[in-house]
C-alpha atoms as a PDB file:
ATOM      1  CA  LEU A   1     -13.561 -11.677   5.991  1.00  0.00           C
ATOM      2  CA  ASP A   2     -14.208  -8.711   8.432  1.00  0.00           C
ATOM      3  CA  THR A   3     -13.511  -5.378   7.720  1.00  0.00           C
ATOM      4  CA  ASP A   4     -10.588  -5.318  10.139  1.00  0.00           C
ATOM      5  CA  ALA A   5      -8.924  -8.206   8.635  1.00  0.00           C
ATOM      6  CA  VAL A   6      -9.275  -6.504   5.154  1.00  0.00           C
ATOM      7  CA  THR A   7      -7.755  -3.327   6.386  1.00  0.00           C
ATOM      8  CA  GLN A   8      -4.993  -4.895   8.468  1.00  0.00           C
ATOM      9  CA  TRP A   9      -3.859  -7.442   5.399  1.00  0.00           C
ATOM     10  CA  ASP A  10      -4.380  -4.693   2.838  1.00  0.00           C
ATOM     11  CA  PHE A  11      -6.387  -6.886   0.441  1.00  0.00           C
ATOM     12  CA  ARG A  12      -7.415  -3.926  -1.080  1.00  0.00           C
ATOM     13  CA  GLY A  13      -4.165  -3.079  -2.295  1.00  0.00           C
ATOM     14  CA  LEU A  14      -3.494  -6.623  -3.424  1.00  0.00           C
ATOM     15  CA  LEU A  15      -6.634  -6.647  -5.330  1.00  0.00           C
ATOM     16  CA  GLU A  16      -5.717  -3.238  -6.927  1.00  0.00           C
ATOM     17  CA  ARG A  17      -2.359  -4.403  -7.829  1.00  0.00           C
ATOM     18  CA  MET A  18      -4.175  -7.724  -9.282  1.00  0.00           C
ATOM     19  CA  ALA A  19      -6.396  -5.664 -11.334  1.00  0.00           C
ATOM     20  CA  GLN A  20      -3.042  -3.772 -12.858  1.00  0.00           C
ATOM     21  CA  THR A  21      -1.652  -6.828 -14.105  1.00  0.00           C
ATOM     22  CA  VAL A  22      -3.777  -6.667 -17.531  1.00  0.00           C
ATOM     23  CA  TYR A  23      -1.312  -3.675 -18.476  1.00  0.00           C
ATOM     24  CA  LEU A  24       1.802  -5.901 -18.128  1.00  0.00           C
ATOM     25  CA  ASP A  25       3.782  -7.469 -20.985  1.00  0.00           C
ATOM     26  CA  GLU A  26       2.388 -10.554 -21.875  1.00  0.00           C
ATOM     27  CA  LYS A  27       5.952 -12.370 -21.289  1.00  0.00           C
ATOM     28  CA  ILE A  28       5.585 -11.655 -17.530  1.00  0.00           C
ATOM     29  CA  ARG A  29       1.761 -11.304 -16.935  1.00  0.00           C
ATOM     30  CA  ASP A  30       1.085 -14.838 -16.202  1.00  0.00           C
ATOM     31  CA  THR A  31       3.815 -15.409 -13.759  1.00  0.00           C
ATOM     32  CA  VAL A  32       2.782 -12.136 -11.993  1.00  0.00           C
ATOM     33  CA  GLN A  33      -0.791 -13.272 -11.841  1.00  0.00           C
ATOM     34  CA  CYS A  34       0.044 -16.664 -10.339  1.00  0.00           C
ATOM     35  CA  CYS A  35       2.440 -15.051  -7.862  1.00  0.00           C
ATOM     36  CA  GLU A  36      -0.572 -12.512  -6.559  1.00  0.00           C
ATOM     37  CA  VAL A  37      -2.945 -15.445  -6.385  1.00  0.00           C
ATOM     38  CA  THR A  38      -0.618 -17.162  -4.436  1.00  0.00           C
ATOM     39  CA  GLU A  39      -0.411 -14.116  -2.124  1.00  0.00           C
ATOM     40  CA  LEU A  40      -4.300 -13.866  -1.935  1.00  0.00           C
ATOM     41  CA  ILE A  41      -4.496 -17.327  -1.046  1.00  0.00           C
ATOM     42  CA  LEU A  42      -1.585 -17.205   1.703  1.00  0.00           C
ATOM     43  CA  LEU A  43      -3.250 -13.860   3.095  1.00  0.00           C
ATOM     44  CA  ILE A  44      -6.431 -15.590   3.530  1.00  0.00           C
ATOM     45  CA  SER A  45      -4.929 -18.699   5.170  1.00  0.00           C
ATOM     46  CA  GLN A  46      -3.110 -16.272   7.636  1.00  0.00           C
ATOM     47  CA  VAL A  47      -6.395 -14.623   8.313  1.00  0.00           C
ATOM     48  CA  VAL A  48      -8.506 -17.694   9.057  1.00  0.00           C
ATOM     49  CA  THR A  49      -5.619 -19.351  11.180  1.00  0.00           C
ATOM     50  CA  ARG A  50      -5.168 -16.175  13.346  1.00  0.00           C
ATOM     51  CA  ARG A  51      -8.951 -15.906  13.888  1.00  0.00           C
ATOM     52  CA  HIS A  52      -8.774 -19.282  14.872  1.00  0.00           C
ATOM     53  CA  ASN A  53      -5.865 -18.897  17.495  1.00  0.00           C
ATOM     54  CA  ALA A  54      -6.215 -15.163  17.872  1.00  0.00           C
ATOM     55  CA  PRO A  55      -5.568 -13.891  21.308  1.00  0.00           C
ATOM     56  CA  PRO A  56      -7.283 -10.950  22.612  1.00  0.00           C
ATOM     57  CA  PRO A  57      -5.655  -7.830  21.197  1.00  0.00           C
ATOM     58  CA  SER A  58      -2.084  -7.493  22.688  1.00  0.00           C
ATOM     59  CA  ALA A  59      -0.348  -3.772  22.976  1.00  0.00           C
ATOM     60  CA  THR A  60       1.883  -4.917  19.820  1.00  0.00           C
ATOM     61  CA  SER A  61      -1.503  -5.022  17.662  1.00  0.00           C
ATOM     62  CA  LEU A  62      -2.428  -1.600  19.075  1.00  0.00           C
ATOM     63  CA  LEU A  63       0.558  -0.392  18.289  1.00  0.00           C
ATOM     64  CA  VAL A  64       0.274  -1.276  14.996  1.00  0.00           C
ATOM     65  CA  ALA A  65      -3.163  -0.388  14.723  1.00  0.00           C
ATOM     66  CA  LYS A  66      -1.825   3.275  15.950  1.00  0.00           C
ATOM     67  CA  ALA A  67       0.888   3.495  13.209  1.00  0.00           C
ATOM     68  CA  VAL A  68      -1.572   2.472  10.460  1.00  0.00           C
ATOM     69  CA  ALA A  69      -4.224   5.229  11.532  1.00  0.00           C
ATOM     70  CA  TYR A  70      -1.274   8.020  11.946  1.00  0.00           C
ATOM     71  CA  LEU A  71      -0.016   6.803   8.259  1.00  0.00           C
ATOM     72  CA  GLN A  72      -3.648   7.032   6.553  1.00  0.00           C
ATOM     73  CA  ALA A  73      -3.936  10.276   8.258  1.00  0.00           C
ATOM     74  CA  ASN A  74      -0.528  11.722   7.123  1.00  0.00           C
ATOM     75  CA  TYR A  75       0.414  10.049   4.324  1.00  0.00           C
ATOM     76  CA  THR A  76       0.301  13.107   1.993  1.00  0.00           C
ATOM     77  CA  ASP A  77       3.329  14.689   3.927  1.00  0.00           C
ATOM     78  CA  PRO A  78       6.169  14.141   1.977  1.00  0.00           C
ATOM     79  CA  HIS A  79       8.488  14.506   5.064  1.00  0.00           C
ATOM     80  CA  LEU A  80       7.023  11.800   7.059  1.00  0.00           C
ATOM     81  CA  THR A  81       9.292   9.209   8.241  1.00  0.00           C
ATOM     82  CA  VAL A  82       9.190   6.050  10.117  1.00  0.00           C
ATOM     83  CA  ALA A  83      11.442   8.120  13.061  1.00  0.00           C
ATOM     84  CA  GLN A  84       8.445  10.554  13.024  1.00  0.00           C
ATOM     85  CA  LEU A  85       5.990   7.702  13.398  1.00  0.00           C
ATOM     86  CA  ALA A  86       8.132   5.801  16.024  1.00  0.00           C
ATOM     87  CA  LYS A  87       8.016   9.107  18.162  1.00  0.00           C
ATOM     88  CA  TYR A  88       4.236   9.373  17.800  1.00  0.00           C
ATOM     89  CA  THR A  89       3.901   5.635  18.818  1.00  0.00           C
ATOM     90  CA  TYR A  90       6.265   6.450  21.495  1.00  0.00           C
ATOM     91  CA  THR A  91       8.484   3.565  20.440  1.00  0.00           C
ATOM     92  CA  SER A  92      11.663   2.963  18.618  1.00  0.00           C
ATOM     93  CA  ARG A  93      11.927   2.836  14.734  1.00  0.00           C
ATOM     94  CA  GLU A  94      13.383  -0.619  14.970  1.00  0.00           C
ATOM     95  CA  HIS A  95      10.916  -2.248  17.219  1.00  0.00           C
ATOM     96  CA  LEU A  96       8.225  -0.276  15.302  1.00  0.00           C
ATOM     97  CA  SER A  97       9.084  -1.787  11.678  1.00  0.00           C
ATOM     98  CA  ARG A  98       9.508  -5.067  13.013  1.00  0.00           C
ATOM     99  CA  VAL A  99       6.285  -5.222  14.428  1.00  0.00           C
ATOM    100  CA  PHE A 100       4.504  -3.521  11.927  1.00  0.00           C
ATOM    101  CA  LYS A 101       6.104  -5.928   9.409  1.00  0.00           C
ATOM    102  CA  GLU A 102       5.057  -8.895  11.647  1.00  0.00           C
ATOM    103  CA  TYR A 103       1.504  -7.848  11.449  1.00  0.00           C
ATOM    104  CA  THR A 104       0.925  -6.264   7.965  1.00  0.00           C
ATOM    105  CA  LEU A 105       3.604  -8.571   6.177  1.00  0.00           C
ATOM    106  CA  GLU A 106       4.732  -5.485   4.522  1.00  0.00           C
ATOM    107  CA  SER A 107       7.343  -2.495   5.751  1.00  0.00           C
ATOM    108  CA  VAL A 108       6.130   0.878   6.809  1.00  0.00           C
ATOM    109  CA  HIS A 109       7.906   2.286   4.030  1.00  0.00           C
ATOM    110  CA  GLY A 110       6.050  -0.357   1.525  1.00  0.00           C
ATOM    111  CA  TYR A 111       2.645   0.393   3.342  1.00  0.00           C
ATOM    112  CA  LEU A 112       3.042   4.400   2.610  1.00  0.00           C
ATOM    113  CA  THR A 113       3.953   4.116  -0.562  1.00  0.00           C
ATOM    114  CA  ASN A 114       0.721   1.912  -1.576  1.00  0.00           C
ATOM    115  CA  LEU A 115      -1.280   4.662   0.354  1.00  0.00           C
ATOM    116  CA  ARG A 116       0.271   7.093  -1.650  1.00  0.00           C
ATOM    117  CA  MET A 117      -0.221   5.180  -4.909  1.00  0.00           C
ATOM    118  CA  GLN A 118      -3.831   4.460  -4.259  1.00  0.00           C
ATOM    119  CA  HIS A 119      -4.298   8.341  -3.803  1.00  0.00           C
ATOM    120  CA  CYS A 120      -2.434   9.247  -6.979  1.00  0.00           C
ATOM    121  CA  ARG A 121      -4.025   6.888  -8.985  1.00  0.00           C
ATOM    122  CA  LYS A 122      -7.478   8.103  -7.871  1.00  0.00           C
ATOM    123  CA  ALA A 123      -6.181  11.519  -8.771  1.00  0.00           C
ATOM    124  CA  LEU A 124      -4.923  10.393 -12.169  1.00  0.00           C
ATOM    125  CA  GLU A 125      -8.166   8.993 -13.033  1.00  0.00           C
ATOM    126  CA  ASP A 126      -9.794  12.311 -11.878  1.00  0.00           C
ATOM    127  CA  GLY A 127      -7.810  14.022 -14.600  1.00  0.00           C
ATOM    128  CA  VAL A 128      -5.242  15.431 -12.119  1.00  0.00           C
ATOM    129  CA  SER A 129      -1.799  16.138 -13.777  1.00  0.00           C
ATOM    130  CA  VAL A 130       1.013  13.721 -13.090  1.00  0.00           C
ATOM    131  CA  LEU A 131       2.923  16.423 -11.197  1.00  0.00           C
ATOM    132  CA  ASN A 132       0.140  17.297  -9.193  1.00  0.00           C
ATOM    133  CA  ALA A 133      -1.044  13.919  -8.543  1.00  0.00           C
ATOM    134  CA  CYS A 134       2.559  13.012  -7.333  1.00  0.00           C
ATOM    135  CA  THR A 135       3.267  16.283  -5.111  1.00  0.00           C
ATOM    136  CA  GLU A 136      -0.705  16.065  -3.471  1.00  0.00           C
ATOM    137  CA  SER A 137       0.063  12.213  -2.898  1.00  0.00           C
ATOM    138  CA  GLY A 138       2.842  12.727  -0.661  1.00  0.00           C
ATOM    139  CA  PHE A 139       5.668  11.722  -2.851  1.00  0.00           C
ATOM    140  CA  PRO A 140       8.944  13.567  -2.136  1.00  0.00           C
ATOM    141  CA  ASP A 141      10.777  13.129  -5.350  1.00  0.00           C
ATOM    142  CA  TYR A 142       9.466  13.031  -8.743  1.00  0.00           C
ATOM    143  CA  SER A 143      11.761  10.816 -10.461  1.00  0.00           C
ATOM    144  CA  SER A 144      11.974   8.156  -8.132  1.00  0.00           C
ATOM    145  CA  PHE A 145       7.722   8.427  -7.818  1.00  0.00           C
ATOM    146  CA  LEU A 146       7.930   7.815 -11.987  1.00  0.00           C
ATOM    147  CA  LYS A 147      10.144   4.847 -11.591  1.00  0.00           C
ATOM    148  CA  THR A 148       8.124   3.051  -8.769  1.00  0.00           C
ATOM    149  CA  PHE A 149       4.912   3.792 -10.773  1.00  0.00           C
ATOM    150  CA  ARG A 150       6.382   1.868 -13.741  1.00  0.00           C
ATOM    151  CA  ARG A 151       7.592  -0.673 -11.758  1.00  0.00           C
ATOM    152  CA  LEU A 152       4.565  -1.145  -9.937  1.00  0.00           C
ATOM    153  CA  TYR A 153       1.913  -1.115 -12.917  1.00  0.00           C
ATOM    154  CA  GLY A 154       4.139  -1.461 -16.105  1.00  0.00           C
ATOM    155  CA  ILE A 155       3.155   1.978 -17.627  1.00  0.00           C
ATOM    156  CA  THR A 156       3.814   5.543 -17.006  1.00  0.00           C
ATOM    157  CA  PRO A 157       1.306   7.683 -14.926  1.00  0.00           C
ATOM    158  CA  ALA A 158       0.640   9.455 -18.234  1.00  0.00           C
ATOM    159  CA  GLU A 159      -0.319   6.054 -19.625  1.00  0.00           C
ATOM    160  CA  TYR A 160      -2.493   5.415 -16.668  1.00  0.00           C
ATOM    161  CA  ARG A 161      -4.152   8.416 -16.591  1.00  0.00           C
ATOM    162  CA  SER A 162      -5.346   8.287 -20.307  1.00  0.00           C
ATOM    163  CA  GLN A 163      -6.528   4.755 -19.969  1.00  0.00           C
ATOM    164  CA  ASN A 164      -8.384   5.317 -16.903  1.00  0.00           C
ATOM    165  CA  ARG A 165      -9.525   8.771 -16.972  1.00  0.00           C
ATOM    166  CA  LYS A 166     -13.053   9.156 -15.671  1.00  0.00           C
ATOM    167  CA  LYS A 167     -15.622  10.529 -17.891  1.00  0.00           C
ATOM    168  CA  VAL A 168     -17.157  13.568 -16.210  1.00  0.00           C
END
């Protein structure tokens, strides 16, 4: 797979989620791993299919690329909204949300949450406090951050930090 495909389809995010399944309860671990492997196979299949049938870049794919670049540059802003992103890309929220999901298979909000979680996990690994990692990553609400982190990874941010802290 080329770099563009990996970025566009967020293979890294999927692989990182797959690596975190070891922390899940044994009762659901096999099911989650099976689902994630299935998702990986589907993503690879879609990339291969699109490559064989790929038309030249369209205005829509350029719009999504512009939106992704903006999200990657501004995800730490806790006040970032889809409306701001739509204004930046000169399109409506509805159109942007629809084409973003079509091209990335993820909502704008989901993509933004994954970017923030990646940043947060790295900060936790570097020894940053949970609250600082949360705010530095752009999460506007600490309690919803805690719930989301636990839902995605099956452990609390503090547990993640203690298990994955890098030795200096």
